[in-house]
Amino acid sequence: MTNDAGRESIVGLARELVRGVIGLVRMEITSARQEVGEGVSGVGRGAVFLGIALVFALLFLIALVVVLVALLALLIPLWASALVFVLIFVALAGLLGYLGVRRLLSAKDRFTLPETRASVQEDVAWAKRLLRRE
């Protein structure tokens, strides 16, 4: 009879272990989803900066170029005044684009899921220690 009771307790322990592992996996998946969401948020901010850069570049090219080229054309030839403003607005668009790209690149580190990876490594180490004791 003690053999049957021992087998039942081993089966019960195995069931509890499986339930615990399943619960742990579910928690890790939830943690990974949260980290991915945070990373996507950073990418969204970078995309917003790029969008703003594009809007400003277009607005400057349309509104200011016409007026300022005409004013500068009073002092220098028309083609030269247009070239001056084209260079200025390209520089501004490049600066804002650079800022947006920098934001996007800094957000990519969040997609490596460092917190989830560390948590899973701790769980694996714990499980290995548990198995070595038996």
Protein backbone atom coordinates (compact mmCIF):
# COMPACT_ATOMS: atom_id res chain seq x y z
CA MET A 1 0.00 0.00 0.00
CA THR A 2 2.80 2.45 0.72
CA ASN A 3 4.03 1.97 -2.86
CA ASP A 4 0.63 3.03 -4.22
CA ALA A 5 0.53 6.03 -1.88
CA GLY A 6 4.06 6.96 -2.96
CA ARG A 7 3.11 6.77 -6.62
CA GLU A 8 0.03 8.90 -6.04
CA SER A 9 2.06 11.52 -4.22
CA ILE A 10 4.62 11.57 -7.05
CA VAL A 11 1.83 11.92 -9.61
CA GLY A 12 0.30 14.70 -7.52
CA LEU A 13 3.64 16.48 -7.28
CA ALA A 14 4.13 16.15 -11.03
CA ARG A 15 0.68 17.64 -11.64
CA GLU A 16 1.44 20.55 -9.33
CA LEU A 17 4.77 21.08 -11.08
CA VAL A 18 3.08 21.14 -14.49
CA ARG A 19 0.43 23.59 -13.22
CA GLY A 20 3.15 25.80 -11.78
CA VAL A 21 5.14 25.76 -15.01
CA ILE A 22 2.03 26.59 -17.05
CA GLY A 23 1.24 29.49 -14.73
CA LEU A 24 4.82 30.70 -14.96
CA VAL A 25 4.77 30.56 -18.77
CA ARG A 26 1.53 32.54 -18.82
CA MET A 27 3.05 35.22 -16.58
CA GLU A 28 6.14 35.43 -18.80
CA ILE A 29 3.99 35.82 -21.91
CA THR A 30 2.05 38.62 -20.22
CA SER A 31 5.32 40.31 -19.27
CA ALA A 32 6.64 40.02 -22.83
CA ARG A 33 3.45 41.56 -24.22
CA GLN A 34 3.82 44.53 -21.88
CA GLU A 35 7.43 45.09 -22.92
CA VAL A 36 6.56 44.91 -26.62
CA GLY A 37 3.81 47.47 -26.05
CA GLU A 38 6.30 49.84 -24.43
CA GLY A 39 8.69 49.41 -27.38
CA VAL A 40 5.95 50.12 -29.91
CA SER A 41 5.14 53.31 -28.04
CA GLY A 42 8.75 54.51 -28.49
CA VAL A 43 8.66 53.72 -32.20
CA GLY A 44 5.42 55.69 -32.48
CA ARG A 45 7.06 58.74 -30.94
CA GLY A 46 9.93 58.53 -33.43
CA ALA A 47 7.48 58.26 -36.31
CA VAL A 48 5.66 61.34 -35.02
CA PHE A 49 8.92 63.32 -35.13
CA LEU A 50 9.50 62.19 -38.71
CA GLY A 51 5.95 63.20 -39.62
CA ILE A 52 6.37 66.61 -38.03
CA ALA A 53 9.65 67.05 -39.91
CA LEU A 54 7.89 66.32 -43.19
CA VAL A 55 5.03 68.72 -42.45
CA PHE A 56 7.40 71.54 -41.53
CA ALA A 57 9.54 70.93 -44.59
CA LEU A 58 6.50 71.16 -46.87
CA LEU A 59 5.06 74.20 -45.12
CA PHE A 60 8.37 76.03 -45.32
CA LEU A 61 8.81 75.18 -48.97
CA ILE A 62 5.33 76.32 -49.90
CA ALA A 63 4.73 79.41 -47.75
CA LEU A 64 8.05 80.98 -46.93
CA VAL A 65 9.95 80.24 -50.11
CA VAL A 66 7.58 82.25 -52.24
CA VAL A 67 7.68 85.34 -50.03
CA LEU A 68 11.33 85.23 -49.01
CA VAL A 69 12.66 84.40 -52.46
CA ALA A 70 10.84 87.42 -53.81
CA LEU A 71 12.28 89.65 -51.08
CA LEU A 72 15.82 88.37 -51.54
CA ALA A 73 15.49 88.66 -55.29
CA LEU A 74 15.53 92.42 -54.78
CA LEU A 75 19.18 92.11 -53.69
CA ILE A 76 20.54 89.17 -55.71
CA PRO A 77 19.42 87.32 -58.84
CA LEU A 78 16.18 85.36 -58.54
CA TRP A 79 17.82 81.96 -59.09
CA ALA A 80 20.37 82.63 -56.31
CA SER A 81 17.73 83.71 -53.83
CA ALA A 82 15.69 80.57 -54.55
CA LEU A 83 18.80 78.42 -54.05
CA VAL A 84 19.55 80.01 -50.68
CA PHE A 85 16.12 79.13 -49.33
CA VAL A 86 16.13 75.64 -50.76
CA LEU A 87 19.40 74.95 -48.91
CA ILE A 88 18.05 76.38 -45.65
CA PHE A 89 14.89 74.27 -45.74
CA VAL A 90 16.74 71.12 -46.71
CA ALA A 91 18.98 71.64 -43.67
CA LEU A 92 15.96 72.08 -41.38
CA ALA A 93 14.24 69.00 -42.77
CA GLY A 94 17.46 67.02 -42.36
CA LEU A 95 17.83 68.10 -38.73
CA LEU A 96 14.27 67.16 -37.83
CA GLY A 97 14.59 63.90 -39.75
CA TYR A 98 17.78 63.10 -37.87
CA LEU A 99 16.02 63.69 -34.55
CA GLY A 100 13.20 61.35 -35.58
CA VAL A 101 15.56 58.60 -36.72
CA ARG A 102 17.52 58.91 -33.49
CA ARG A 103 14.30 58.39 -31.51
CA LEU A 104 13.45 55.33 -33.59
CA LEU A 105 16.89 53.82 -33.08
CA SER A 106 16.81 54.41 -29.33
CA ALA A 107 13.43 52.64 -29.14
CA LYS A 108 14.71 49.46 -30.83
CA ASP A 109 16.44 48.38 -27.61
CA ARG A 110 13.03 47.88 -26.02
CA PHE A 111 12.26 45.09 -28.49
CA THR A 112 14.96 42.85 -27.03
CA LEU A 113 12.67 42.34 -24.00
CA PRO A 114 15.43 42.58 -21.37
CA GLU A 115 13.11 42.24 -18.38
CA THR A 116 11.35 39.17 -19.75
CA ARG A 117 14.66 37.57 -20.73
CA ALA A 118 16.09 38.11 -17.24
CA SER A 119 12.95 36.76 -15.62
CA VAL A 120 12.94 33.63 -17.80
CA GLN A 121 16.64 33.05 -17.07
CA GLU A 122 15.91 33.28 -13.34
CA ASP A 123 13.05 30.81 -13.71
CA VAL A 124 15.22 28.35 -15.65
CA ALA A 125 17.97 28.62 -13.04
CA TRP A 126 15.42 28.02 -10.28
CA ALA A 127 14.03 24.96 -12.07
CA LYS A 128 17.55 23.56 -12.57
CA ARG A 129 18.36 24.03 -8.89
CA LEU A 130 15.10 22.34 -7.96
CA LEU A 131 15.82 19.35 -10.20
CA ARG A 132 19.39 18.99 -8.90
CA ARG A 133 18.17 18.74 -5.30
CA GLU A 134 16.04 15.68 -6.07
